Amino acid sequence: MKDKDLLVERVSKKTNVKKEDIFKLANDLQKKDLNNEEDMRSFIQTVAKMTNQTLDRRKIDKLVKIMKNKDVLNDVEKMI
């Protein structure tokens, strides 16, 4: 199995999100500009919906700030 497939498998198991949905999200993400705050918010809301999470405005604002500061890239391995 390829590294990409192993990564998706681990994410799927940890989040209870179907692998197909993860791939769909990744494809949709390629069409978004994550330097654009509106696209960031849309992405965050999509992920929240997929994982059955409820996010209030304050949490979304905090996640946008993290994404703008690129802090999320430093912690990706910890999340998996």
N, C-alpha and C. Protein backbone atom coordinates (compact mmCIF):
# COMPACT_ATOMS: atom_id res chain seq x y z
N MET A 1 0.85 -1.19 0.00
CA MET A 1 0.00 0.00 0.00
C MET A 1 0.88 1.24 0.00
N LYS A 2 0.50 2.21 -0.77
CA LYS A 2 1.28 3.45 -0.88
C LYS A 2 1.17 4.27 0.39
N ASP A 3 2.16 5.16 0.60
CA ASP A 3 2.15 6.02 1.78
C ASP A 3 0.88 6.85 1.85
N LYS A 4 0.44 7.36 0.69
CA LYS A 4 -0.77 8.19 0.65
C LYS A 4 -1.98 7.38 1.13
N ASP A 5 -2.06 6.13 0.67
CA ASP A 5 -3.18 5.28 1.07
C ASP A 5 -3.14 4.97 2.56
N LEU A 6 -1.94 4.76 3.09
CA LEU A 6 -1.80 4.50 4.53
C LEU A 6 -2.22 5.72 5.34
N LEU A 7 -1.83 6.89 4.88
CA LEU A 7 -2.19 8.13 5.57
C LEU A 7 -3.71 8.30 5.57
N VAL A 8 -4.33 8.11 4.42
CA VAL A 8 -5.79 8.26 4.33
C VAL A 8 -6.48 7.22 5.20
N GLU A 9 -5.96 6.02 5.23
CA GLU A 9 -6.53 4.96 6.06
C GLU A 9 -6.47 5.35 7.55
N ARG A 10 -5.34 5.89 7.97
CA ARG A 10 -5.19 6.32 9.38
C ARG A 10 -6.15 7.45 9.71
N VAL A 11 -6.24 8.42 8.82
CA VAL A 11 -7.16 9.55 9.04
C VAL A 11 -8.60 9.05 9.09
N SER A 12 -8.94 8.16 8.19
CA SER A 12 -10.29 7.62 8.14
C SER A 12 -10.66 6.91 9.45
N LYS A 13 -9.77 6.09 9.93
CA LYS A 13 -10.02 5.36 11.18
C LYS A 13 -10.14 6.30 12.36
N LYS A 14 -9.29 7.30 12.39
CA LYS A 14 -9.26 8.21 13.54
C LYS A 14 -10.47 9.16 13.56
N THR A 15 -10.97 9.52 12.38
CA THR A 15 -12.04 10.51 12.30
C THR A 15 -13.42 9.90 12.02
N ASN A 16 -13.44 8.61 11.69
CA ASN A 16 -14.69 7.95 11.28
C ASN A 16 -15.30 8.59 10.03
N VAL A 17 -14.45 9.12 9.16
CA VAL A 17 -14.87 9.69 7.89
C VAL A 17 -14.44 8.70 6.81
N LYS A 18 -15.35 8.41 5.89
CA LYS A 18 -15.05 7.46 4.82
C LYS A 18 -13.88 7.95 3.97
N LYS A 19 -13.10 6.98 3.50
CA LYS A 19 -11.95 7.32 2.66
C LYS A 19 -12.39 8.10 1.42
N GLU A 20 -13.52 7.71 0.86
CA GLU A 20 -14.03 8.38 -0.34
C GLU A 20 -14.29 9.86 -0.05
N ASP A 21 -14.83 10.14 1.14
CA ASP A 21 -15.11 11.53 1.53
C ASP A 21 -13.82 12.32 1.73
N ILE A 22 -12.80 11.66 2.25
CA ILE A 22 -11.50 12.32 2.43
C ILE A 22 -10.91 12.69 1.08
N PHE A 23 -10.99 11.76 0.13
CA PHE A 23 -10.48 12.06 -1.22
C PHE A 23 -11.29 13.17 -1.88
N LYS A 24 -12.61 13.17 -1.68
CA LYS A 24 -13.46 14.23 -2.24
C LYS A 24 -13.06 15.58 -1.64
N LEU A 25 -12.85 15.60 -0.33
CA LEU A 25 -12.42 16.82 0.34
C LEU A 25 -11.08 17.31 -0.21
N ALA A 26 -10.16 16.38 -0.41
CA ALA A 26 -8.84 16.75 -0.95
C ALA A 26 -8.98 17.33 -2.36
N ASN A 27 -9.84 16.75 -3.17
CA ASN A 27 -10.06 17.27 -4.52
C ASN A 27 -10.69 18.65 -4.47
N ASP A 28 -11.67 18.83 -3.61
CA ASP A 28 -12.31 20.14 -3.46
C ASP A 28 -11.32 21.17 -2.95
N LEU A 29 -10.43 20.75 -2.07
CA LEU A 29 -9.45 21.65 -1.49
C LEU A 29 -8.49 22.19 -2.54
N GLN A 30 -8.19 21.39 -3.55
CA GLN A 30 -7.30 21.83 -4.61
C GLN A 30 -7.88 23.00 -5.40
N LYS A 31 -9.20 23.14 -5.37
CA LYS A 31 -9.88 24.22 -6.11
C LYS A 31 -10.01 25.49 -5.28
N LYS A 32 -9.68 25.40 -4.00
CA LYS A 32 -9.83 26.55 -3.11
C LYS A 32 -8.50 27.27 -2.94
N ASP A 33 -8.61 28.55 -2.64
CA ASP A 33 -7.45 29.37 -2.33
C ASP A 33 -7.43 29.57 -0.82
N LEU A 34 -6.58 28.84 -0.14
CA LEU A 34 -6.57 28.93 1.32
C LEU A 34 -5.87 30.17 1.84
N ASN A 35 -5.55 31.09 0.95
CA ASN A 35 -5.13 32.42 1.38
C ASN A 35 -6.34 33.34 1.42
N ASN A 36 -7.46 32.84 0.91
CA ASN A 36 -8.71 33.57 0.89
C ASN A 36 -9.52 33.16 2.12
N GLU A 37 -9.87 34.12 2.96
CA GLU A 37 -10.55 33.80 4.22
C GLU A 37 -11.90 33.12 3.99
N GLU A 38 -12.61 33.52 2.97
CA GLU A 38 -13.91 32.90 2.69
C GLU A 38 -13.74 31.42 2.35
N ASP A 39 -12.71 31.09 1.56
CA ASP A 39 -12.43 29.69 1.24
C ASP A 39 -12.01 28.92 2.49
N MET A 40 -11.23 29.56 3.36
CA MET A 40 -10.83 28.91 4.62
C MET A 40 -12.05 28.56 5.44
N ARG A 41 -12.95 29.51 5.59
CA ARG A 41 -14.15 29.29 6.39
C ARG A 41 -15.02 28.18 5.80
N SER A 42 -15.13 28.17 4.49
CA SER A 42 -15.90 27.13 3.81
C SER A 42 -15.28 25.76 4.06
N PHE A 43 -13.96 25.68 3.95
CA PHE A 43 -13.24 24.43 4.19
C PHE A 43 -13.45 23.96 5.63
N ILE A 44 -13.31 24.85 6.58
CA ILE A 44 -13.49 24.51 8.00
C ILE A 44 -14.90 23.99 8.24
N GLN A 45 -15.88 24.64 7.69
CA GLN A 45 -17.27 24.22 7.88
C GLN A 45 -17.54 22.86 7.22
N THR A 46 -16.92 22.62 6.08
CA THR A 46 -17.08 21.33 5.41
C THR A 46 -16.49 20.21 6.26
N VAL A 47 -15.30 20.43 6.78
CA VAL A 47 -14.65 19.43 7.63
C VAL A 47 -15.48 19.20 8.90
N ALA A 48 -15.97 20.26 9.50
CA ALA A 48 -16.80 20.13 10.70
C ALA A 48 -18.04 19.29 10.42
N LYS A 49 -18.66 19.56 9.30
CA LYS A 49 -19.87 18.81 8.93
C LYS A 49 -19.55 17.33 8.71
N MET A 50 -18.44 17.06 8.03
CA MET A 50 -18.04 15.67 7.76
C MET A 50 -17.75 14.90 9.04
N THR A 51 -17.25 15.59 10.05
CA THR A 51 -16.86 14.95 11.30
C THR A 51 -17.91 15.12 12.40
N ASN A 52 -19.07 15.63 12.01
CA ASN A 52 -20.18 15.83 12.95
C ASN A 52 -19.80 16.72 14.14
N GLN A 53 -19.05 17.76 13.84
CA GLN A 53 -18.64 18.71 14.87
C GLN A 53 -19.43 20.00 14.72
N THR A 54 -19.73 20.63 15.82
CA THR A 54 -20.39 21.93 15.80
C THR A 54 -19.36 22.98 16.20
N LEU A 55 -19.23 23.98 15.34
CA LEU A 55 -18.27 25.04 15.62
C LEU A 55 -19.00 26.37 15.70
N ASP A 56 -18.76 27.11 16.78
CA ASP A 56 -19.33 28.45 16.86
C ASP A 56 -18.39 29.41 16.14
N ARG A 57 -18.83 30.62 16.00
CA ARG A 57 -18.06 31.64 15.26
C ARG A 57 -16.66 31.83 15.85
N ARG A 58 -16.58 31.81 17.17
CA ARG A 58 -15.28 32.01 17.84
C ARG A 58 -14.29 30.91 17.50
N LYS A 59 -14.75 29.67 17.46
CA LYS A 59 -13.86 28.56 17.11
C LYS A 59 -13.42 28.65 15.65
N ILE A 60 -14.36 29.02 14.79
CA ILE A 60 -14.02 29.18 13.37
C ILE A 60 -13.00 30.29 13.21
N ASP A 61 -13.20 31.41 13.90
CA ASP A 61 -12.25 32.52 13.84
C ASP A 61 -10.86 32.07 14.30
N LYS A 62 -10.81 31.27 15.35
CA LYS A 62 -9.54 30.79 15.86
C LYS A 62 -8.85 29.88 14.84
N LEU A 63 -9.62 29.00 14.21
CA LEU A 63 -9.05 28.12 13.19
C LEU A 63 -8.55 28.90 11.98
N VAL A 64 -9.29 29.94 11.58
CA VAL A 64 -8.86 30.78 10.47
C VAL A 64 -7.53 31.45 10.82
N LYS A 65 -7.42 31.93 12.05
CA LYS A 65 -6.18 32.58 12.48
C LYS A 65 -5.01 31.59 12.43
N ILE A 66 -5.24 30.38 12.89
CA ILE A 66 -4.20 29.34 12.85
C ILE A 66 -3.79 29.06 11.41
N MET A 67 -4.78 28.96 10.53
CA MET A 67 -4.46 28.69 9.12
C MET A 67 -3.71 29.85 8.49
N LYS A 68 -4.10 31.06 8.82
CA LYS A 68 -3.41 32.23 8.26
C LYS A 68 -1.96 32.28 8.72
N ASN A 69 -1.71 31.86 9.95
CA ASN A 69 -0.35 31.87 10.49
C ASN A 69 0.43 30.62 10.09
N LYS A 70 -0.22 29.73 9.37
CA LYS A 70 0.41 28.48 8.90
C LYS A 70 0.80 27.57 10.07
N ASP A 71 0.25 27.81 11.24
CA ASP A 71 0.54 26.97 12.41
C ASP A 71 0.04 25.55 12.22
N VAL A 72 -1.02 25.40 11.46
CA VAL A 72 -1.62 24.08 11.28
C VAL A 72 -0.64 23.12 10.59
N LEU A 73 0.20 23.61 9.71
CA LEU A 73 1.14 22.75 9.02
C LEU A 73 2.16 22.14 9.97
N ASN A 74 2.49 22.85 11.02
CA ASN A 74 3.46 22.35 11.99
C ASN A 74 2.90 21.23 12.85
N ASP A 75 1.57 21.15 12.96
CA ASP A 75 0.95 20.18 13.84
C ASP A 75 0.22 19.05 13.11
N VAL A 76 0.35 18.98 11.79
CA VAL A 76 -0.39 17.97 11.04
C VAL A 76 -0.04 16.57 11.52
N GLU A 77 1.21 16.27 11.70
CA GLU A 77 1.59 14.93 12.10
C GLU A 77 1.02 14.57 13.47
N LYS A 78 0.88 15.54 14.36
CA LYS A 78 0.32 15.28 15.68
C LYS A 78 -1.16 14.92 15.60
N MET A 79 -1.84 15.46 14.57
CA MET A 79 -3.28 15.23 14.43
C MET A 79 -3.59 13.87 13.84
N ILE A 80 -2.61 13.24 13.23
CA ILE A 80 -2.87 11.97 12.54
C ILE A 80 -2.55 10.79 13.45
